[in-house]
Amino acid sequence: MPSRICWAAGRRRCLAARRRDDIARPAIAGGTQPKEVKQDATAKARSVAELTVVRLGKPVETKQGTVPAGSSGTVVHAYRDGQAYIIEFHEPFHAVATVEAGAIAA
């Protein structure tokens, strides 16, 4: 009897792994796999390193208020190869905001 329980448990694990694979790699009608999404070349080129001081090109809303365009802050964290950043501002008031790459002045 124990061998049946082990066999059933192993089958459940196998089926669960198969479902995970189906979710991770969905097939398109016709049996082809989806093409990889190409990243924007400008996003990689404009990637800003952490602890870099940057200036805003657009105003940004935060919980503390609106940080005006032209304010400078320090990049604390970068998301997805430079698509967005967490920036800490000290002037005109202390605020931390998630800012998209397009809102940072070049």
Protein backbone atom coordinates (compact mmCIF):
# COMPACT_ATOMS: atom_id res chain seq x y z
CA MET A 1 0.00 0.00 0.00
CA PRO A 2 2.75 2.57 0.71
CA SER A 3 4.03 2.27 -2.85
CA ARG A 4 0.66 3.47 -4.18
CA ILE A 5 0.76 6.55 -1.96
CA CYS A 6 4.30 7.39 -3.08
CA TRP A 7 3.35 6.81 -6.71
CA ALA A 8 0.31 9.10 -6.38
CA ALA A 9 2.36 11.80 -4.65
CA GLY A 10 5.02 11.59 -7.37
CA ARG A 11 2.36 11.88 -10.08
CA ARG A 12 0.89 14.98 -8.43
CA ARG A 13 4.33 16.59 -8.38
CA CYS A 14 4.84 15.69 -12.03
CA LEU A 15 1.47 17.17 -13.03
CA ALA A 16 2.13 20.30 -10.98
CA ALA A 17 5.51 20.77 -12.71
CA ARG A 18 3.86 20.30 -16.10
CA ARG A 19 1.27 22.99 -15.27
CA ARG A 20 4.01 25.41 -14.19
CA ASP A 21 5.79 24.87 -17.50
CA ASP A 22 2.58 25.54 -19.43
CA ILE A 23 2.06 28.80 -17.54
CA ALA A 24 5.68 29.91 -18.00
CA ARG A 25 5.75 29.18 -21.76
CA PRO A 26 2.29 29.59 -23.29
CA ALA A 27 1.95 28.21 -26.82
CA ILE A 28 0.39 30.25 -29.62
CA ALA A 29 -2.20 28.69 -31.92
CA GLY A 30 -0.41 26.73 -34.62
CA GLY A 31 2.14 25.24 -32.22
CA THR A 32 4.73 28.04 -32.33
CA GLN A 33 6.32 29.61 -29.29
CA PRO A 34 5.91 33.37 -28.69
CA LYS A 35 8.76 35.58 -29.91
CA GLU A 36 10.93 37.31 -27.37
CA VAL A 37 10.09 40.94 -26.68
CA LYS A 38 12.94 43.22 -27.70
CA GLN A 39 13.91 45.84 -25.16
CA ASP A 40 14.03 49.47 -26.06
CA ALA A 41 17.65 50.34 -26.92
CA THR A 42 17.26 53.86 -25.47
CA ALA A 43 16.26 52.43 -22.07
CA LYS A 44 19.55 50.52 -21.81
CA ALA A 45 21.59 53.48 -23.06
CA ARG A 46 19.94 55.87 -20.57
CA SER A 47 20.26 53.57 -17.56
CA VAL A 48 21.33 55.59 -14.52
CA ALA A 49 23.48 54.02 -11.80
CA GLU A 50 22.38 54.03 -8.18
CA LEU A 51 23.59 56.93 -6.01
CA THR A 52 23.71 59.24 -9.04
CA VAL A 53 22.28 62.74 -8.65
CA VAL A 54 19.63 63.43 -11.31
CA ARG A 55 17.35 66.34 -12.22
CA LEU A 56 13.62 66.07 -12.96
CA GLY A 57 12.37 67.12 -16.38
CA LYS A 58 8.69 66.89 -15.32
CA PRO A 59 6.90 67.46 -11.99
CA VAL A 60 6.24 64.31 -9.94
CA GLU A 61 3.40 63.67 -7.47
CA THR A 62 4.35 62.18 -4.08
CA LYS A 63 2.52 61.61 -0.79
CA GLN A 64 4.19 64.74 0.59
CA GLY A 65 3.22 66.94 -2.39
CA THR A 66 4.38 67.76 -5.90
CA VAL A 67 8.12 67.82 -6.57
CA PRO A 68 8.59 70.50 -9.27
CA ALA A 69 10.51 70.03 -12.53
CA GLY A 70 14.17 70.96 -12.14
CA SER A 71 14.47 69.49 -8.64
CA SER A 72 17.49 67.28 -8.07
CA GLY A 73 17.55 64.00 -6.18
CA THR A 74 19.57 60.85 -5.66
CA VAL A 75 18.76 57.55 -7.39
CA VAL A 76 18.25 54.96 -4.65
CA HIS A 77 17.13 52.03 -6.82
CA ALA A 78 16.73 51.24 -10.55
CA TYR A 79 13.93 49.04 -11.93
CA ARG A 80 14.15 46.84 -15.06
CA ASP A 81 17.23 48.17 -16.78
CA GLY A 82 16.33 51.80 -16.25
CA GLN A 83 12.60 51.89 -17.00
CA ALA A 84 11.89 53.51 -13.60
CA TYR A 85 13.83 54.69 -10.55
CA ILE A 86 13.27 55.34 -6.87
CA ILE A 87 14.63 58.82 -6.23
CA GLU A 88 15.10 60.59 -2.90
CA PHE A 89 14.61 64.37 -2.96
CA HIS A 90 15.70 66.85 -0.26
CA GLU A 91 14.59 70.15 -1.81
CA PRO A 92 12.02 71.82 -1.74
CA PHE A 93 10.97 69.17 0.86
CA HIS A 94 12.07 65.63 1.73
CA ALA A 95 10.30 63.03 -0.45
CA VAL A 96 10.88 59.62 -1.98
CA ALA A 97 9.20 58.86 -5.32
CA THR A 98 9.16 56.24 -8.05
CA VAL A 99 9.93 58.09 -11.28
CA GLU A 100 9.74 56.79 -14.85
CA ALA A 101 12.83 57.24 -17.02
CA GLY A 102 11.03 59.77 -19.24
CA ALA A 103 10.56 62.17 -16.31
CA ILE A 104 14.32 62.50 -15.75
CA ALA A 105 16.03 65.34 -17.60
CA ALA A 106 18.82 64.28 -19.97
